[in-house]
Amino acid sequence: MKPDGVLLVATHTKEEFRNNNFAYTVEDESIHITVLENNHIVSDRTYESTMIYLIWQDGELSIEHEVHTLGLFSYDQWIIKLYFIEEDNMSYLLQIVETEEQQVLSVKTTTSVSNMPNVVGRIYGLIVNYIVEKGEEPIGPAFIAYYNMDMENLFVEIGFPIAKKIEGKDDIVLRYIPAGRKATGFHKGSYGEIGPLYEQLTRFISEKDYEPTGAVFY
């Protein structure tokens, strides 16, 4: 695997997955560990994995446990919705995903592309300070939504996702990113190098027989 790569393992699709439990043991000269694992379906999209660790070390037993909620994905989701390509020494991971509605606090404004760094920095600070003032924190990274591609008069929305409903103030407005099917791409590098990803994503959408609607989110 390449540095900073991602290893993705799918042992069972949703159609094949069943509730299960098993145990396995590992040991070396100084430690003996037995793992008891139980995997139980809790919804159409998730299962809960509970792991109990029996750890014998230096003649003493300690017991640890952890619980994880994990995803269940159909065969079509694995095969059709994941797309990995390499081109011009760049790697792209493209996906079609289903998302739930997400509430955000955001500001809509018009700016030139040359003035974007100043506008983005000011609005990020404005929104974060307001969220903290309300005793909350953003629950994810900031986003910028582009509603057109006029480099001199970009109409953009800049904001943060939030967990609890917070009414807006002045230019800061409570809005909702609608639920639905979205095409996503992952880019590692400077913002100035993101152009090829957008081109690949546009091609990917067309190859999957979809048509883009709405804003483009970064």
N, C-alpha and C. Protein backbone atom coordinates (compact mmCIF):
# COMPACT_ATOMS: atom_id res chain seq x y z
N MET A 1 0.84 -1.20 0.00
CA MET A 1 0.00 0.00 0.00
C MET A 1 0.88 1.24 0.00
N LYS A 2 0.49 2.27 -0.75
CA LYS A 2 1.25 3.50 -0.83
C LYS A 2 1.17 4.29 0.47
N PRO A 3 2.19 5.13 0.77
CA PRO A 3 2.11 6.00 1.94
C PRO A 3 0.84 6.84 1.91
N ASP A 4 0.18 6.96 3.08
CA ASP A 4 -1.07 7.70 3.22
C ASP A 4 -2.23 7.06 2.48
N GLY A 5 -2.05 5.81 2.05
CA GLY A 5 -3.14 5.12 1.37
C GLY A 5 -4.18 4.62 2.36
N VAL A 6 -5.26 4.06 1.83
CA VAL A 6 -6.35 3.54 2.65
C VAL A 6 -6.58 2.09 2.27
N LEU A 7 -6.61 1.20 3.26
CA LEU A 7 -6.93 -0.20 3.04
C LEU A 7 -8.41 -0.40 3.33
N LEU A 8 -9.18 -0.83 2.33
CA LEU A 8 -10.61 -1.03 2.46
C LEU A 8 -10.90 -2.51 2.30
N VAL A 9 -11.49 -3.14 3.34
CA VAL A 9 -11.76 -4.57 3.33
C VAL A 9 -13.25 -4.79 3.49
N ALA A 10 -13.86 -5.55 2.60
CA ALA A 10 -15.27 -5.91 2.71
C ALA A 10 -15.37 -7.42 2.75
N THR A 11 -15.72 -7.98 3.91
CA THR A 11 -15.79 -9.43 4.05
C THR A 11 -17.16 -9.99 3.68
N HIS A 12 -18.23 -9.22 3.95
CA HIS A 12 -19.58 -9.65 3.61
C HIS A 12 -20.40 -8.44 3.17
N THR A 13 -21.19 -8.62 2.13
CA THR A 13 -22.12 -7.57 1.75
C THR A 13 -23.35 -7.65 2.66
N LYS A 14 -24.21 -6.63 2.56
CA LYS A 14 -25.41 -6.61 3.40
C LYS A 14 -26.29 -7.82 3.14
N GLU A 15 -26.33 -8.28 1.88
CA GLU A 15 -27.17 -9.43 1.55
C GLU A 15 -26.70 -10.69 2.25
N GLU A 16 -25.39 -10.79 2.52
CA GLU A 16 -24.82 -12.02 3.09
C GLU A 16 -24.65 -11.96 4.61
N PHE A 17 -24.62 -10.76 5.16
CA PHE A 17 -24.25 -10.61 6.57
C PHE A 17 -25.32 -11.20 7.49
N ARG A 18 -24.87 -11.91 8.53
CA ARG A 18 -25.76 -12.46 9.55
C ARG A 18 -25.18 -12.16 10.93
N ASN A 19 -26.03 -12.14 11.95
CA ASN A 19 -25.53 -12.02 13.32
C ASN A 19 -24.52 -13.14 13.58
N ASN A 20 -23.42 -12.81 14.25
CA ASN A 20 -22.41 -13.84 14.48
C ASN A 20 -21.58 -13.50 15.71
N ASN A 21 -20.89 -14.49 16.23
CA ASN A 21 -19.95 -14.28 17.33
C ASN A 21 -18.86 -15.34 17.25
N PHE A 22 -17.68 -14.97 17.69
CA PHE A 22 -16.56 -15.91 17.66
C PHE A 22 -15.48 -15.43 18.63
N ALA A 23 -14.49 -16.29 18.83
CA ALA A 23 -13.36 -15.98 19.71
C ALA A 23 -12.06 -16.35 19.03
N TYR A 24 -11.02 -15.60 19.33
CA TYR A 24 -9.70 -15.94 18.81
C TYR A 24 -8.65 -15.49 19.82
N THR A 25 -7.48 -16.09 19.73
CA THR A 25 -6.43 -15.90 20.73
C THR A 25 -5.10 -15.58 20.05
N VAL A 26 -4.36 -14.65 20.65
CA VAL A 26 -3.00 -14.35 20.23
C VAL A 26 -2.11 -14.32 21.46
N GLU A 27 -0.84 -14.67 21.30
CA GLU A 27 0.05 -14.66 22.45
C GLU A 27 1.50 -14.59 21.98
N ASP A 28 2.35 -14.11 22.91
CA ASP A 28 3.78 -14.21 22.73
C ASP A 28 4.37 -14.61 24.08
N GLU A 29 5.64 -14.33 24.32
CA GLU A 29 6.28 -14.82 25.53
C GLU A 29 5.72 -14.20 26.81
N SER A 30 5.23 -12.96 26.74
CA SER A 30 4.84 -12.27 27.97
C SER A 30 3.36 -11.96 28.09
N ILE A 31 2.59 -12.17 27.03
CA ILE A 31 1.18 -11.77 27.08
C ILE A 31 0.32 -12.75 26.30
N HIS A 32 -0.89 -12.97 26.81
CA HIS A 32 -1.85 -13.87 26.19
C HIS A 32 -3.18 -13.12 26.12
N ILE A 33 -3.74 -12.96 24.91
CA ILE A 33 -4.98 -12.20 24.74
C ILE A 33 -6.02 -13.07 24.04
N THR A 34 -7.21 -13.15 24.64
CA THR A 34 -8.35 -13.79 24.01
C THR A 34 -9.39 -12.73 23.71
N VAL A 35 -9.86 -12.71 22.48
CA VAL A 35 -10.85 -11.73 22.05
C VAL A 35 -12.18 -12.43 21.80
N LEU A 36 -13.23 -11.95 22.46
CA LEU A 36 -14.58 -12.43 22.22
C LEU A 36 -15.31 -11.35 21.43
N GLU A 37 -15.81 -11.70 20.25
CA GLU A 37 -16.44 -10.70 19.38
C GLU A 37 -17.87 -11.10 19.06
N ASN A 38 -18.79 -10.15 19.19
CA ASN A 38 -20.19 -10.36 18.83
C ASN A 38 -20.62 -9.27 17.86
N ASN A 39 -21.18 -9.68 16.73
CA ASN A 39 -21.65 -8.74 15.71
C ASN A 39 -23.15 -8.92 15.53
N HIS A 40 -23.91 -7.82 15.76
CA HIS A 40 -25.36 -7.91 15.80
C HIS A 40 -25.98 -6.80 14.95
N ILE A 41 -26.86 -7.15 14.03
CA ILE A 41 -27.52 -6.17 13.17
C ILE A 41 -28.48 -5.33 13.99
N VAL A 42 -28.36 -4.00 13.88
CA VAL A 42 -29.24 -3.11 14.65
C VAL A 42 -30.14 -2.28 13.74
N SER A 43 -29.85 -2.18 12.44
CA SER A 43 -30.73 -1.47 11.51
C SER A 43 -30.42 -1.96 10.11
N ASP A 44 -31.15 -1.43 9.15
CA ASP A 44 -30.94 -1.84 7.77
C ASP A 44 -29.58 -1.45 7.25
N ARG A 45 -28.94 -0.45 7.88
CA ARG A 45 -27.67 0.07 7.38
C ARG A 45 -26.49 -0.16 8.32
N THR A 46 -26.73 -0.63 9.54
CA THR A 46 -25.63 -0.74 10.52
C THR A 46 -25.70 -2.03 11.32
N TYR A 47 -24.53 -2.41 11.85
CA TYR A 47 -24.48 -3.46 12.86
C TYR A 47 -23.55 -3.02 13.99
N GLU A 48 -23.73 -3.62 15.14
CA GLU A 48 -22.94 -3.26 16.31
C GLU A 48 -21.95 -4.37 16.60
N SER A 49 -20.69 -4.01 16.72
CA SER A 49 -19.63 -4.97 17.01
C SER A 49 -19.12 -4.74 18.43
N THR A 50 -19.31 -5.75 19.28
CA THR A 50 -18.85 -5.68 20.67
C THR A 50 -17.67 -6.62 20.84
N MET A 51 -16.56 -6.09 21.37
CA MET A 51 -15.36 -6.90 21.56
C MET A 51 -14.91 -6.84 23.01
N ILE A 52 -14.70 -8.01 23.58
CA ILE A 52 -14.21 -8.13 24.96
C ILE A 52 -12.82 -8.76 24.91
N TYR A 53 -11.85 -8.13 25.58
CA TYR A 53 -10.47 -8.59 25.58
C TYR A 53 -10.11 -9.15 26.95
N LEU A 54 -9.72 -10.41 27.01
CA LEU A 54 -9.18 -11.03 28.23
C LEU A 54 -7.66 -11.03 28.10
N ILE A 55 -7.01 -10.23 28.90
CA ILE A 55 -5.57 -9.99 28.73
C ILE A 55 -4.82 -10.55 29.94
N TRP A 56 -4.06 -11.62 29.71
CA TRP A 56 -3.20 -12.17 30.75
C TRP A 56 -1.78 -11.65 30.53
N GLN A 57 -1.25 -10.95 31.52
CA GLN A 57 0.11 -10.42 31.40
C GLN A 57 0.77 -10.46 32.77
N ASP A 58 1.95 -11.09 32.84
CA ASP A 58 2.69 -11.22 34.10
C ASP A 58 1.84 -11.83 35.20
N GLY A 59 1.04 -12.84 34.83
CA GLY A 59 0.25 -13.56 35.81
C GLY A 59 -1.02 -12.85 36.27
N GLU A 60 -1.35 -11.70 35.68
CA GLU A 60 -2.54 -10.96 36.08
C GLU A 60 -3.50 -10.83 34.91
N LEU A 61 -4.80 -10.90 35.23
CA LEU A 61 -5.83 -10.80 34.21
C LEU A 61 -6.46 -9.41 34.24
N SER A 62 -6.56 -8.78 33.08
CA SER A 62 -7.32 -7.53 32.94
C SER A 62 -8.33 -7.72 31.82
N ILE A 63 -9.46 -7.05 31.95
CA ILE A 63 -10.55 -7.19 30.98
C ILE A 63 -10.90 -5.81 30.42
N GLU A 64 -10.87 -5.70 29.10
CA GLU A 64 -11.25 -4.47 28.42
C GLU A 64 -12.35 -4.78 27.42
N HIS A 65 -13.11 -3.76 27.05
CA HIS A 65 -14.13 -3.97 26.03
C HIS A 65 -14.35 -2.69 25.23
N GLU A 66 -14.89 -2.83 24.04
CA GLU A 66 -15.23 -1.70 23.20
C GLU A 66 -16.40 -2.07 22.30
N VAL A 67 -17.18 -1.06 21.92
CA VAL A 67 -18.35 -1.26 21.07
C VAL A 67 -18.26 -0.28 19.89
N HIS A 68 -18.46 -0.79 18.68
CA HIS A 68 -18.40 0.03 17.48
C HIS A 68 -19.68 -0.15 16.66
N THR A 69 -20.20 0.94 16.12
CA THR A 69 -21.30 0.87 15.17
C THR A 69 -20.69 0.94 13.77
N LEU A 70 -20.95 -0.07 12.96
CA LEU A 70 -20.33 -0.22 11.65
C LEU A 70 -21.39 -0.29 10.55
N GLY A 71 -20.96 -0.02 9.33
CA GLY A 71 -21.91 0.08 8.23
C GLY A 71 -22.16 -1.24 7.52
N LEU A 72 -23.40 -1.39 7.01
CA LEU A 72 -23.77 -2.50 6.14
C LEU A 72 -24.03 -1.94 4.75
N PHE A 73 -23.36 -2.50 3.73
CA PHE A 73 -23.48 -1.97 2.38
C PHE A 73 -23.80 -3.11 1.41
N SER A 74 -24.67 -2.83 0.48
CA SER A 74 -25.07 -3.85 -0.48
C SER A 74 -23.97 -4.09 -1.51
N TYR A 75 -24.13 -5.15 -2.27
CA TYR A 75 -23.16 -5.46 -3.33
C TYR A 75 -23.07 -4.29 -4.32
N ASP A 76 -24.22 -3.74 -4.71
CA ASP A 76 -24.21 -2.62 -5.66
C ASP A 76 -23.47 -1.42 -5.11
N GLN A 77 -23.63 -1.15 -3.82
CA GLN A 77 -22.93 -0.01 -3.23
C GLN A 77 -21.42 -0.20 -3.29
N TRP A 78 -20.94 -1.40 -3.02
CA TRP A 78 -19.50 -1.66 -3.07
C TRP A 78 -18.97 -1.60 -4.49
N ILE A 79 -19.65 -2.25 -5.42
CA ILE A 79 -19.11 -2.42 -6.76
C ILE A 79 -19.35 -1.19 -7.63
N ILE A 80 -20.53 -0.59 -7.53
CA ILE A 80 -20.89 0.49 -8.44
C ILE A 80 -20.47 1.84 -7.92
N LYS A 81 -20.54 2.05 -6.62
CA LYS A 81 -20.41 3.40 -6.09
C LYS A 81 -19.00 3.79 -5.68
N LEU A 82 -18.07 2.87 -5.75
CA LEU A 82 -16.68 3.21 -5.46
C LEU A 82 -15.88 3.17 -6.76
N TYR A 83 -15.06 4.17 -6.95
CA TYR A 83 -14.33 4.29 -8.21
C TYR A 83 -12.97 4.91 -7.91
N PHE A 84 -11.91 4.15 -8.16
CA PHE A 84 -10.56 4.62 -7.86
C PHE A 84 -9.76 4.67 -9.13
N ILE A 85 -9.13 5.83 -9.40
CA ILE A 85 -8.32 5.96 -10.60
C ILE A 85 -7.01 6.66 -10.27
N GLU A 86 -6.03 6.43 -11.10
CA GLU A 86 -4.75 7.14 -11.01
C GLU A 86 -4.46 7.73 -12.38
N GLU A 87 -4.09 9.01 -12.39
CA GLU A 87 -3.82 9.69 -13.66
C GLU A 87 -2.88 10.85 -13.41
N ASP A 88 -1.85 10.98 -14.24
CA ASP A 88 -0.89 12.08 -14.13
C ASP A 88 -0.30 12.18 -12.73
N ASN A 89 0.08 11.02 -12.17
CA ASN A 89 0.69 10.95 -10.84
C ASN A 89 -0.23 11.43 -9.72
N MET A 90 -1.54 11.47 -9.99
CA MET A 90 -2.52 11.85 -8.98
C MET A 90 -3.49 10.69 -8.80
N SER A 91 -3.96 10.50 -7.54
CA SER A 91 -4.93 9.45 -7.23
C SER A 91 -6.25 10.09 -6.83
N TYR A 92 -7.36 9.48 -7.26
CA TYR A 92 -8.68 10.00 -6.95
C TYR A 92 -9.57 8.87 -6.46
N LEU A 93 -10.29 9.12 -5.36
CA LEU A 93 -11.31 8.19 -4.88
C LEU A 93 -12.66 8.89 -5.04
N LEU A 94 -13.51 8.34 -5.91
CA LEU A 94 -14.80 8.93 -6.22
C LEU A 94 -15.90 8.00 -5.75
N GLN A 95 -16.99 8.58 -5.23
CA GLN A 95 -18.08 7.77 -4.70
C GLN A 95 -19.43 8.40 -5.00
N ILE A 96 -20.46 7.55 -5.04
CA ILE A 96 -21.84 8.00 -4.98
C ILE A 96 -22.36 7.61 -3.60
N VAL A 97 -22.83 8.57 -2.83
CA VAL A 97 -23.25 8.29 -1.46
C VAL A 97 -24.65 8.82 -1.22
N GLU A 98 -25.34 8.24 -0.25
CA GLU A 98 -26.63 8.73 0.21
C GLU A 98 -26.41 9.44 1.54
N THR A 99 -26.87 10.67 1.66
CA THR A 99 -26.67 11.43 2.88
C THR A 99 -28.00 11.87 3.47
N GLU A 100 -28.01 12.07 4.79
CA GLU A 100 -29.18 12.59 5.47
C GLU A 100 -29.13 14.12 5.48
N GLU A 101 -30.25 14.74 5.76
CA GLU A 101 -30.29 16.20 5.85
C GLU A 101 -29.34 16.68 6.95
N GLN A 102 -28.60 17.75 6.69
CA GLN A 102 -27.64 18.28 7.65
C GLN A 102 -27.90 19.76 7.88
N GLN A 103 -28.13 20.13 9.15
CA GLN A 103 -28.29 21.55 9.45
C GLN A 103 -26.92 22.21 9.57
N VAL A 104 -26.87 23.47 9.12
CA VAL A 104 -25.62 24.22 9.11
C VAL A 104 -25.90 25.67 9.48
N LEU A 105 -24.87 26.34 9.92
CA LEU A 105 -24.89 27.79 10.01
C LEU A 105 -23.98 28.30 8.90
N SER A 106 -24.50 29.20 8.06
CA SER A 106 -23.72 29.61 6.91
C SER A 106 -24.00 31.06 6.54
N VAL A 107 -23.12 31.60 5.71
CA VAL A 107 -23.24 32.94 5.16
C VAL A 107 -23.15 32.84 3.65
N LYS A 108 -24.08 33.47 2.94
CA LYS A 108 -24.01 33.54 1.48
C LYS A 108 -23.49 34.91 1.08
N THR A 109 -22.59 34.93 0.10
CA THR A 109 -22.01 36.20 -0.32
C THR A 109 -21.52 36.10 -1.75
N THR A 110 -21.21 37.23 -2.36
CA THR A 110 -20.65 37.29 -3.70
C THR A 110 -19.25 37.89 -3.62
N THR A 111 -18.29 37.27 -4.30
CA THR A 111 -16.91 37.73 -4.24
C THR A 111 -16.17 37.32 -5.51
N SER A 112 -15.03 37.93 -5.74
CA SER A 112 -14.16 37.49 -6.84
C SER A 112 -13.26 36.37 -6.32
N VAL A 113 -12.77 35.54 -7.22
CA VAL A 113 -11.91 34.44 -6.81
C VAL A 113 -10.62 34.96 -6.17
N SER A 114 -10.14 36.12 -6.61
CA SER A 114 -8.91 36.66 -6.04
C SER A 114 -9.09 37.11 -4.60
N ASN A 115 -10.32 37.44 -4.22
CA ASN A 115 -10.59 37.91 -2.86
C ASN A 115 -11.11 36.80 -1.96
N MET A 116 -11.21 35.59 -2.49
CA MET A 116 -11.75 34.47 -1.71
C MET A 116 -11.02 34.23 -0.40
N PRO A 117 -9.67 34.23 -0.35
CA PRO A 117 -8.99 33.96 0.93
C PRO A 117 -9.41 34.93 2.03
N ASN A 118 -9.54 36.21 1.70
CA ASN A 118 -9.95 37.18 2.71
C ASN A 118 -11.39 36.95 3.17
N VAL A 119 -12.27 36.69 2.21
CA VAL A 119 -13.68 36.49 2.54
C VAL A 119 -13.87 35.22 3.36
N VAL A 120 -13.23 34.14 2.94
CA VAL A 120 -13.39 32.86 3.64
C VAL A 120 -12.86 32.97 5.06
N GLY A 121 -11.67 33.53 5.24
CA GLY A 121 -11.11 33.65 6.59
C GLY A 121 -11.99 34.46 7.52
N ARG A 122 -12.54 35.57 7.01
CA ARG A 122 -13.39 36.42 7.85
C ARG A 122 -14.68 35.70 8.24
N ILE A 123 -15.31 35.02 7.28
CA ILE A 123 -16.58 34.36 7.57
C ILE A 123 -16.39 33.13 8.45
N TYR A 124 -15.31 32.36 8.22
CA TYR A 124 -15.03 31.24 9.12
C TYR A 124 -14.98 31.72 10.57
N GLY A 125 -14.21 32.78 10.81
CA GLY A 125 -14.07 33.30 12.17
C GLY A 125 -15.39 33.78 12.72
N LEU A 126 -16.19 34.45 11.89
CA LEU A 126 -17.48 34.97 12.31
C LEU A 126 -18.41 33.84 12.77
N ILE A 127 -18.48 32.78 11.97
CA ILE A 127 -19.39 31.67 12.28
C ILE A 127 -18.91 30.88 13.49
N VAL A 128 -17.63 30.55 13.53
CA VAL A 128 -17.10 29.77 14.66
C VAL A 128 -17.29 30.52 15.97
N ASN A 129 -17.00 31.81 15.98
CA ASN A 129 -17.18 32.60 17.20
C ASN A 129 -18.64 32.60 17.65
N TYR A 130 -19.56 32.66 16.69
CA TYR A 130 -20.98 32.66 17.04
C TYR A 130 -21.41 31.31 17.60
N ILE A 131 -20.92 30.23 16.99
CA ILE A 131 -21.26 28.89 17.49
C ILE A 131 -20.74 28.70 18.91
N VAL A 132 -19.50 29.10 19.15
CA VAL A 132 -18.92 28.98 20.49
C VAL A 132 -19.67 29.86 21.49
N GLU A 133 -20.08 31.03 21.04
CA GLU A 133 -20.85 31.94 21.90
C GLU A 133 -22.15 31.28 22.36
N LYS A 134 -22.71 30.40 21.53
CA LYS A 134 -23.93 29.70 21.87
C LYS A 134 -23.67 28.41 22.65
N GLY A 135 -22.41 28.19 23.03
CA GLY A 135 -22.07 27.02 23.83
C GLY A 135 -21.97 25.72 23.06
N GLU A 136 -21.80 25.81 21.75
CA GLU A 136 -21.71 24.61 20.91
C GLU A 136 -20.39 24.61 20.14
N GLU A 137 -20.18 23.55 19.36
CA GLU A 137 -19.00 23.43 18.51
C GLU A 137 -19.44 22.89 17.15
N PRO A 138 -18.72 23.23 16.07
CA PRO A 138 -19.01 22.59 14.78
C PRO A 138 -18.80 21.09 14.90
N ILE A 139 -19.59 20.31 14.17
CA ILE A 139 -19.45 18.85 14.25
C ILE A 139 -18.71 18.28 13.05
N GLY A 140 -18.18 19.14 12.21
CA GLY A 140 -17.44 18.67 11.05
C GLY A 140 -16.67 19.82 10.43
N PRO A 141 -15.94 19.52 9.36
CA PRO A 141 -15.15 20.57 8.71
C PRO A 141 -16.01 21.62 8.04
N ALA A 142 -15.42 22.78 7.82
CA ALA A 142 -16.11 23.85 7.11
C ALA A 142 -16.36 23.44 5.66
N PHE A 143 -17.30 24.12 5.03
CA PHE A 143 -17.57 23.86 3.62
C PHE A 143 -17.76 25.18 2.88
N ILE A 144 -17.52 25.12 1.57
CA ILE A 144 -17.83 26.24 0.67
C ILE A 144 -18.66 25.66 -0.47
N ALA A 145 -19.86 26.22 -0.67
CA ALA A 145 -20.73 25.80 -1.77
C ALA A 145 -20.69 26.86 -2.86
N TYR A 146 -20.45 26.42 -4.09
CA TYR A 146 -20.38 27.33 -5.23
C TYR A 146 -21.67 27.21 -6.03
N TYR A 147 -22.36 28.33 -6.23
CA TYR A 147 -23.62 28.34 -6.96
C TYR A 147 -23.44 28.81 -8.41
N ASN A 148 -22.26 29.29 -8.75
CA ASN A 148 -21.93 29.61 -10.14
C ASN A 148 -20.42 29.52 -10.31
N MET A 149 -19.93 29.72 -11.51
CA MET A 149 -18.50 29.65 -11.77
C MET A 149 -17.98 30.92 -12.45
N ASP A 150 -18.61 32.06 -12.10
CA ASP A 150 -18.15 33.36 -12.59
C ASP A 150 -17.02 33.83 -11.68
N MET A 151 -15.79 33.75 -12.17
CA MET A 151 -14.63 34.00 -11.32
C MET A 151 -14.57 35.42 -10.75
N GLU A 152 -15.26 36.36 -11.38
CA GLU A 152 -15.27 37.74 -10.87
C GLU A 152 -16.46 38.00 -9.95
N ASN A 153 -17.49 37.15 -10.05
CA ASN A 153 -18.70 37.33 -9.23
C ASN A 153 -19.19 35.98 -8.73
N LEU A 154 -18.35 35.32 -7.97
CA LEU A 154 -18.72 34.02 -7.42
C LEU A 154 -19.79 34.18 -6.35
N PHE A 155 -20.88 33.43 -6.49
CA PHE A 155 -21.91 33.39 -5.46
C PHE A 155 -21.67 32.13 -4.64
N VAL A 156 -21.27 32.30 -3.39
CA VAL A 156 -20.85 31.17 -2.57
C VAL A 156 -21.58 31.17 -1.24
N GLU A 157 -21.62 29.98 -0.66
CA GLU A 157 -22.13 29.80 0.71
C GLU A 157 -21.02 29.18 1.54
N ILE A 158 -20.72 29.78 2.68
CA ILE A 158 -19.62 29.35 3.53
C ILE A 158 -20.18 29.01 4.90
N GLY A 159 -19.88 27.82 5.43
CA GLY A 159 -20.49 27.48 6.70
C GLY A 159 -19.89 26.27 7.38
N PHE A 160 -20.54 25.88 8.49
CA PHE A 160 -20.14 24.73 9.29
C PHE A 160 -21.37 23.91 9.64
N PRO A 161 -21.25 22.57 9.67
CA PRO A 161 -22.35 21.74 10.16
C PRO A 161 -22.45 21.80 11.68
N ILE A 162 -23.68 21.72 12.20
CA ILE A 162 -23.90 21.79 13.65
C ILE A 162 -24.83 20.66 14.07
N ALA A 163 -24.71 20.24 15.33
CA ALA A 163 -25.52 19.14 15.84
C ALA A 163 -26.87 19.64 16.35
N LYS A 164 -26.86 20.75 17.08
CA LYS A 164 -28.08 21.29 17.66
C LYS A 164 -28.53 22.52 16.88
N LYS A 165 -29.82 22.71 16.83
CA LYS A 165 -30.38 23.85 16.10
C LYS A 165 -29.99 25.16 16.78
N ILE A 166 -29.39 26.05 16.01
CA ILE A 166 -29.01 27.38 16.49
C ILE A 166 -29.58 28.40 15.51
N GLU A 167 -30.42 29.29 16.00
CA GLU A 167 -30.96 30.32 15.13
C GLU A 167 -29.85 31.28 14.70
N GLY A 168 -29.95 31.78 13.48
CA GLY A 168 -28.92 32.65 12.96
C GLY A 168 -28.98 34.06 13.53
N LYS A 169 -28.01 34.86 13.10
CA LYS A 169 -27.92 36.25 13.55
C LYS A 169 -27.26 37.06 12.44
N ASP A 170 -27.92 38.15 12.04
CA ASP A 170 -27.41 39.01 10.98
C ASP A 170 -27.17 38.18 9.70
N ASP A 171 -25.93 38.17 9.20
CA ASP A 171 -25.65 37.44 7.95
C ASP A 171 -25.57 35.93 8.15
N ILE A 172 -25.43 35.49 9.39
CA ILE A 172 -25.34 34.06 9.67
C ILE A 172 -26.75 33.47 9.73
N VAL A 173 -27.02 32.47 8.89
CA VAL A 173 -28.37 31.92 8.75
C VAL A 173 -28.35 30.42 8.99
N LEU A 174 -29.38 29.92 9.70
CA LEU A 174 -29.56 28.48 9.85
C LEU A 174 -30.14 27.93 8.56
N ARG A 175 -29.41 27.02 7.93
CA ARG A 175 -29.87 26.42 6.67
C ARG A 175 -29.72 24.90 6.76
N TYR A 176 -30.18 24.22 5.71
CA TYR A 176 -30.14 22.76 5.69
C TYR A 176 -29.61 22.28 4.35
N ILE A 177 -28.59 21.44 4.40
CA ILE A 177 -28.14 20.74 3.20
C ILE A 177 -29.07 19.56 3.02
N PRO A 178 -29.81 19.48 1.92
CA PRO A 178 -30.84 18.44 1.79
C PRO A 178 -30.27 17.03 1.73
N ALA A 179 -31.09 16.09 2.17
CA ALA A 179 -30.73 14.68 2.05
C ALA A 179 -30.76 14.29 0.58
N GLY A 180 -30.06 13.22 0.24
CA GLY A 180 -30.13 12.74 -1.14
C GLY A 180 -28.84 12.10 -1.59
N ARG A 181 -28.79 11.83 -2.88
CA ARG A 181 -27.65 11.15 -3.50
C ARG A 181 -26.64 12.19 -3.95
N LYS A 182 -25.37 11.96 -3.59
CA LYS A 182 -24.33 12.93 -3.92
C LYS A 182 -23.09 12.21 -4.45
N ALA A 183 -22.43 12.85 -5.39
CA ALA A 183 -21.15 12.36 -5.89
C ALA A 183 -20.05 13.09 -5.14
N THR A 184 -19.09 12.34 -4.60
CA THR A 184 -18.02 12.95 -3.81
C THR A 184 -16.66 12.50 -4.34
N GLY A 185 -15.68 13.35 -4.12
CA GLY A 185 -14.31 13.02 -4.47
C GLY A 185 -13.36 13.49 -3.40
N PHE A 186 -12.25 12.78 -3.21
CA PHE A 186 -11.27 13.12 -2.19
C PHE A 186 -10.00 13.63 -2.84
N HIS A 187 -9.52 14.76 -2.33
CA HIS A 187 -8.32 15.40 -2.87
C HIS A 187 -7.35 15.67 -1.73
N LYS A 188 -6.08 15.35 -1.94
CA LYS A 188 -5.03 15.68 -0.98
C LYS A 188 -4.03 16.57 -1.68
N GLY A 189 -3.88 17.78 -1.17
CA GLY A 189 -2.98 18.72 -1.80
C GLY A 189 -3.49 20.14 -1.65
N SER A 190 -2.87 21.06 -2.36
CA SER A 190 -3.24 22.47 -2.26
C SER A 190 -4.56 22.71 -3.00
N TYR A 191 -5.22 23.81 -2.62
CA TYR A 191 -6.49 24.16 -3.26
C TYR A 191 -6.29 24.42 -4.75
N GLY A 192 -5.14 24.95 -5.12
CA GLY A 192 -4.88 25.26 -6.51
C GLY A 192 -4.77 24.03 -7.40
N GLU A 193 -4.62 22.84 -6.80
CA GLU A 193 -4.48 21.60 -7.57
C GLU A 193 -5.79 20.82 -7.65
N ILE A 194 -6.90 21.43 -7.23
CA ILE A 194 -8.15 20.68 -7.13
C ILE A 194 -8.88 20.58 -8.47
N GLY A 195 -8.48 21.38 -9.46
CA GLY A 195 -9.15 21.38 -10.75
C GLY A 195 -9.31 20.01 -11.39
N PRO A 196 -8.22 19.19 -11.48
CA PRO A 196 -8.35 17.87 -12.10
C PRO A 196 -9.37 16.96 -11.39
N LEU A 197 -9.49 17.11 -10.06
CA LEU A 197 -10.47 16.30 -9.34
C LEU A 197 -11.88 16.65 -9.81
N TYR A 198 -12.14 17.93 -9.98
CA TYR A 198 -13.46 18.35 -10.44
C TYR A 198 -13.75 17.77 -11.82
N GLU A 199 -12.75 17.76 -12.68
CA GLU A 199 -12.92 17.20 -14.01
C GLU A 199 -13.22 15.70 -13.95
N GLN A 200 -12.47 14.98 -13.08
CA GLN A 200 -12.69 13.55 -12.93
C GLN A 200 -14.08 13.26 -12.35
N LEU A 201 -14.51 14.09 -11.42
CA LEU A 201 -15.81 13.88 -10.79
C LEU A 201 -16.94 14.12 -11.80
N THR A 202 -16.78 15.14 -12.63
CA THR A 202 -17.78 15.41 -13.67
C THR A 202 -17.89 14.24 -14.64
N ARG A 203 -16.74 13.69 -15.02
CA ARG A 203 -16.73 12.53 -15.92
C ARG A 203 -17.35 11.31 -15.24
N PHE A 204 -17.03 11.12 -13.96
CA PHE A 204 -17.56 10.00 -13.18
C PHE A 204 -19.09 10.05 -13.12
N ILE A 205 -19.65 11.24 -12.87
CA ILE A 205 -21.10 11.40 -12.80
C ILE A 205 -21.74 11.02 -14.13
N SER A 206 -21.15 11.46 -15.22
CA SER A 206 -21.68 11.16 -16.54
C SER A 206 -21.62 9.66 -16.84
N GLU A 207 -20.50 9.02 -16.48
CA GLU A 207 -20.34 7.58 -16.74
C GLU A 207 -21.35 6.75 -15.96
N LYS A 208 -21.80 7.26 -14.80
CA LYS A 208 -22.79 6.55 -14.00
C LYS A 208 -24.22 6.92 -14.36
N ASP A 209 -24.36 7.68 -15.46
CA ASP A 209 -25.68 8.07 -15.99
C ASP A 209 -26.46 8.95 -15.03
N TYR A 210 -25.74 9.82 -14.30
CA TYR A 210 -26.41 10.82 -13.46
C TYR A 210 -26.21 12.20 -14.07
N GLU A 211 -27.02 13.15 -13.60
CA GLU A 211 -26.85 14.54 -13.99
C GLU A 211 -26.69 15.39 -12.73
N PRO A 212 -25.70 16.27 -12.69
CA PRO A 212 -25.51 17.11 -11.49
C PRO A 212 -26.61 18.14 -11.34
N THR A 213 -27.03 18.37 -10.12
CA THR A 213 -28.00 19.43 -9.79
C THR A 213 -27.52 20.13 -8.53
N GLY A 214 -27.87 21.40 -8.37
CA GLY A 214 -27.54 22.10 -7.15
C GLY A 214 -26.11 22.61 -7.13
N ALA A 215 -25.68 23.00 -5.93
CA ALA A 215 -24.37 23.62 -5.75
C ALA A 215 -23.25 22.58 -5.71
N VAL A 216 -22.03 23.07 -5.92
CA VAL A 216 -20.83 22.24 -5.78
C VAL A 216 -20.20 22.56 -4.43
N PHE A 217 -20.00 21.55 -3.59
CA PHE A 217 -19.47 21.75 -2.24
C PHE A 217 -17.99 21.37 -2.18
N TYR A 218 -17.20 22.23 -1.52
CA TYR A 218 -15.80 21.93 -1.27
C TYR A 218 -15.57 21.94 0.23
